[in-house]
Protein backbone atom coordinates (compact mmCIF):
# COMPACT_ATOMS: atom_id res chain seq x y z
CA UNK A 1 101.36 199.03 -43.33
CA UNK A 2 97.83 197.99 -44.22
CA UNK A 3 99.00 196.88 -47.67
CA UNK A 4 101.71 194.77 -46.07
CA UNK A 5 99.31 193.23 -43.59
CA UNK A 6 97.04 192.17 -46.44
CA UNK A 7 99.90 190.23 -48.03
CA UNK A 8 100.61 188.22 -44.89
CA UNK A 9 100.29 185.23 -44.52
CA UNK A 10 99.91 184.43 -48.22
CA UNK A 11 103.36 185.65 -49.20
CA UNK A 12 106.27 187.81 -48.19
CA UNK A 13 105.38 191.40 -49.08
CA UNK A 14 107.76 192.85 -51.66
CA UNK A 15 108.53 196.43 -52.61
CA UNK A 16 107.10 195.82 -56.08
CA UNK A 17 103.79 194.37 -54.86
CA UNK A 18 103.25 197.04 -52.19
CA UNK A 19 104.26 199.87 -54.52
CA UNK A 20 101.79 198.59 -57.11
CA UNK A 21 99.01 198.55 -54.49
CA UNK A 22 99.90 202.15 -53.66
CA UNK A 23 99.92 203.09 -57.37
CA UNK A 24 103.57 204.10 -57.44
CA UNK A 25 106.85 202.68 -58.61
CA UNK A 26 109.03 200.62 -56.34
CA UNK A 27 111.71 203.29 -56.49
CA UNK A 28 109.21 205.99 -55.49
CA UNK A 29 108.12 203.91 -52.51
CA UNK A 30 111.71 203.36 -51.42
CA UNK A 31 112.48 207.06 -51.84
CA UNK A 32 109.44 208.06 -49.79
CA UNK A 33 110.35 205.64 -47.01
CA UNK A 34 113.91 206.96 -47.03
CA UNK A 35 112.54 210.51 -46.66
CA UNK A 36 110.63 209.25 -43.61
CA UNK A 37 113.86 207.88 -42.18
CA UNK A 38 113.00 204.22 -42.65
CA UNK A 39 113.15 201.40 -45.17
CA UNK A 40 110.83 198.75 -46.52
CA UNK A 41 112.61 196.09 -44.49
CA UNK A 42 112.34 198.14 -41.29
CA UNK A 43 108.61 198.72 -41.81
CA UNK A 44 108.02 195.02 -42.46
CA UNK A 45 110.05 194.07 -39.38
CA UNK A 46 108.14 196.56 -37.20
CA UNK A 47 104.84 195.24 -38.53
CA UNK A 48 105.76 191.64 -37.80
CA UNK A 49 107.10 192.44 -34.33
CA UNK A 50 104.02 194.47 -33.35
CA UNK A 51 101.64 191.82 -34.69
CA UNK A 52 103.60 189.03 -32.97
CA UNK A 53 103.35 190.78 -29.61
CA UNK A 54 99.62 191.26 -30.08
CA UNK A 55 98.94 187.73 -31.31
CA UNK A 56 100.96 186.10 -28.54
CA UNK A 57 98.80 187.76 -25.91
CA UNK A 58 95.85 185.79 -27.28
CA UNK A 59 96.35 182.25 -26.00
CA UNK A 60 93.78 180.92 -28.46
CA UNK A 61 96.34 181.46 -31.24
CA UNK A 62 99.11 178.86 -31.21
CA UNK A 63 102.70 179.95 -31.70
CA UNK A 64 102.86 178.06 -34.98
CA UNK A 65 99.74 179.89 -36.15
CA UNK A 66 101.32 183.22 -35.16
CA UNK A 67 104.33 182.32 -37.32
CA UNK A 68 102.00 181.48 -40.22
CA UNK A 69 99.98 184.69 -39.81
CA UNK A 70 103.20 186.69 -39.98
CA UNK A 71 104.29 185.01 -43.20
CA UNK A 72 107.01 182.75 -41.86
CA UNK A 73 107.50 179.47 -43.68
CA UNK A 74 108.51 177.68 -40.50
CA UNK A 75 108.20 178.24 -36.78
CA UNK A 76 111.96 178.18 -36.18
CA UNK A 77 112.46 181.25 -38.40
CA UNK A 78 109.78 183.05 -36.39
CA UNK A 79 111.44 182.00 -33.12
CA UNK A 80 114.79 183.39 -34.27
CA UNK A 81 113.25 186.69 -35.35
CA UNK A 82 111.23 187.04 -32.16
CA UNK A 83 114.27 186.34 -30.00
CA UNK A 84 116.24 188.98 -31.96
CA UNK A 85 113.42 191.54 -31.48
CA UNK A 86 112.69 190.93 -27.83
CA UNK A 87 115.52 188.92 -26.29
CA UNK A 88 113.07 186.19 -25.33
CA UNK A 89 111.30 183.31 -27.03
CA UNK A 90 107.64 183.51 -28.07
CA UNK A 91 106.68 181.04 -25.34
CA UNK A 92 108.61 182.94 -22.65
CA UNK A 93 106.95 186.16 -23.78
CA UNK A 94 103.53 184.51 -23.72
CA UNK A 95 104.10 183.26 -20.18
CA UNK A 96 105.16 186.68 -18.88
CA UNK A 97 102.82 188.83 -21.00
CA UNK A 98 99.87 187.88 -18.81
CA UNK A 99 101.77 187.39 -15.58
CA UNK A 100 101.51 183.62 -15.84
CA UNK A 101 104.81 181.88 -15.29
CA UNK A 102 103.32 178.39 -15.12
CA UNK A 103 104.66 175.86 -17.60
CA UNK A 104 102.48 174.07 -20.09
CA UNK A 105 100.74 177.04 -21.68
CA UNK A 106 99.00 176.61 -25.00
CA UNK A 107 101.80 176.50 -27.58
């Protein structure tokens, strides 16, 4: 996951780029992930979800900056992904993550 994290936010990590960083072929990387019971897409999704949850707890980081740090080209794509992962919006999560239900948090 470290190799993937290094690629964000500059670009979407690809199998080819990550495999090259790990000194293996893309097919070897995919095969190894399959042996572990996962896929490249699943690992990238888990990484983004975990980072999003962590970043959103830090109110100094705006939601648009979180989207950027995770490699999203626009905030709406991040919102859709986050809602799919958690069933809530990034702002709703931020409000409840620290027990603060007041409106007007730093967005």
